[in-house]
Protein backbone atom coordinates (compact mmCIF):
# COMPACT_ATOMS: atom_id res chain seq x y z
CA LEU A 1 -3.88 -23.21 32.76
CA ALA A 2 -3.35 -22.62 29.35
CA MET A 3 -5.59 -19.64 29.74
CA HIS A 4 -3.35 -18.82 32.34
CA ASN A 5 -0.23 -19.09 30.94
CA ALA A 6 -1.08 -17.10 28.39
CA SER A 7 -2.29 -14.36 30.54
CA ILE A 8 1.29 -13.71 31.92
CA TYR A 9 2.70 -13.63 28.37
CA GLN A 10 0.26 -11.19 27.60
CA VAL A 11 -1.34 -13.11 24.36
CA GLU A 12 -4.54 -14.60 25.65
CA THR A 13 -6.49 -12.12 22.98
CA SER A 14 -4.73 -14.19 20.39
CA ILE A 15 -5.91 -17.14 21.23
CA GLU A 16 -9.27 -18.94 21.48
CA PHE A 17 -9.89 -21.54 23.57
CA LEU A 18 -12.07 -24.04 22.77
CA LEU A 19 -13.64 -27.18 25.34
CA GLY A 20 -15.17 -29.86 24.35
CA ASP A 21 -14.70 -33.42 22.93
CA ALA A 22 -11.65 -33.12 20.56
CA PHE A 23 -13.25 -35.00 17.48
CA GLU A 24 -16.28 -33.13 17.66
CA MET A 25 -14.41 -30.36 18.11
CA MET A 26 -12.24 -30.89 15.41
CA ARG A 27 -15.16 -31.62 12.47
CA ALA A 28 -16.19 -27.98 13.72
CA LEU A 29 -12.75 -26.36 12.88
CA ALA A 30 -11.92 -27.78 9.54
CA GLY A 31 -10.49 -25.57 7.23
CA ILE A 32 -10.09 -23.31 9.77
CA ALA A 33 -7.47 -24.25 12.09
CA ASP A 34 -4.26 -22.28 12.01
CA ALA A 35 -2.78 -25.42 14.26
CA VAL A 36 -3.49 -28.25 16.68
CA PHE A 37 -2.31 -29.28 20.23
CA LEU A 38 -2.54 -32.71 21.34
CA SER A 39 -2.17 -34.30 24.87
CA PRO A 40 -4.25 -37.31 24.80
CA PRO A 41 -4.17 -40.22 27.57
CA TRP A 42 -1.71 -42.57 27.00
CA GLY A 43 -3.52 -45.78 28.44
CA GLY A 44 -2.68 -45.08 32.00
CA PRO A 45 -0.50 -45.18 34.31
CA SER A 46 1.54 -48.37 32.88
CA TYR A 47 3.28 -46.66 29.80
CA ALA A 48 5.84 -45.73 32.05
CA ASN A 49 6.58 -49.12 33.02
CA GLU A 50 7.79 -49.80 29.47
CA LYS A 51 10.99 -49.42 27.66
CA LEU A 52 9.68 -48.26 25.25
CA PHE A 53 6.00 -46.61 23.99
CA ASP A 54 3.89 -48.54 21.68
CA LEU A 55 2.37 -45.47 19.21
CA SER A 56 -0.39 -47.80 18.91
CA ALA A 57 -1.01 -48.77 22.12
CA MET A 58 -2.51 -45.67 22.96
CA LYS A 59 -6.05 -45.66 24.52
CA PRO A 60 -9.25 -45.06 23.79
CA TYR A 61 -7.58 -44.09 20.51
CA SER A 62 -4.17 -44.66 18.94
CA ALA A 63 -1.66 -42.16 18.09
CA LEU A 64 -2.99 -42.94 14.22
CA PHE A 65 -6.37 -41.69 14.53
CA VAL A 66 -5.68 -38.77 16.84
CA VAL A 67 -2.55 -37.20 14.22
CA SER A 68 -4.47 -38.33 11.20
CA ARG A 69 -7.46 -36.74 11.95
CA ALA A 70 -5.84 -33.48 13.46
CA LEU A 71 -4.19 -33.45 10.23
CA GLU A 72 -6.92 -33.41 8.20
CA LEU A 73 -7.41 -29.36 9.75
CA THR A 74 -3.93 -28.19 9.42
CA PRO A 75 -0.40 -29.72 8.63
CA ASN A 76 0.47 -27.86 12.12
CA VAL A 77 -0.25 -30.76 14.52
CA ALA A 78 1.97 -31.10 18.18
CA ILE A 79 1.57 -33.63 20.47
CA LEU A 80 2.62 -34.28 23.69
CA LEU A 81 3.62 -37.69 24.12
CA PRO A 82 5.71 -40.16 26.84
CA LYS A 83 9.46 -39.72 27.14
CA THR A 84 9.97 -42.99 26.08
CA THR A 85 8.62 -42.59 22.36
CA THR A 86 11.94 -42.31 20.05
CA THR A 87 12.47 -40.22 16.88
CA LYS A 88 13.15 -42.96 15.16
CA GLN A 89 9.37 -44.15 15.82
CA ILE A 90 7.60 -41.08 15.55
CA LEU A 91 9.07 -40.68 11.75
CA ARG A 92 8.65 -44.16 10.87
CA PHE A 93 4.82 -43.94 11.99
CA LEU A 94 4.39 -40.18 9.95
CA LYS A 95 5.48 -41.94 7.14
CA LEU A 96 3.80 -45.45 7.43
CA ASN A 97 1.04 -44.16 8.17
CA CYS A 98 -0.53 -41.02 7.99
CA SER A 99 -0.59 -40.15 4.06
CA ASN A 100 -1.36 -36.36 4.87
CA ALA A 101 1.57 -35.92 7.45
CA PRO A 102 3.60 -33.03 6.03
CA GLU A 103 7.41 -33.14 4.48
CA SER A 104 9.01 -32.36 7.66
CA CYS A 105 8.56 -32.95 11.25
CA GLU A 106 10.08 -31.35 14.39
CA VAL A 107 10.78 -32.85 17.14
CA GLU A 108 11.48 -31.67 20.61
CA TYR A 109 11.99 -33.41 23.91
CA ASN A 110 11.40 -31.25 27.07
CA TYR A 111 12.41 -33.66 30.72
CA LEU A 112 11.39 -32.88 34.23
CA GLY A 113 12.88 -34.26 37.21
CA SER A 114 14.29 -37.74 37.00
């Protein structure tokens, strides 16, 4: 899907798509990645029943583990999270848990459907 979208916007020659185990790919890309986009599993469909999504509850790896590994590569990290994750939780999570987090952070909300 990402490759298809890149071709629609005519940027497919500017992006290198890699498919593989995320943590193996991160080791291979150390020092050369410009940005990392993460779309990790959130722990199964039961997350939708939670009033507030807990970043530490992600399975099989916590958000802390996944984001800290990505920040070892680049400060340009994007992560797709459930809509029940709050901005306050994200900022507190970064401040307390990611010593290599950038000084500033942009949070963008996108909602589809109800």
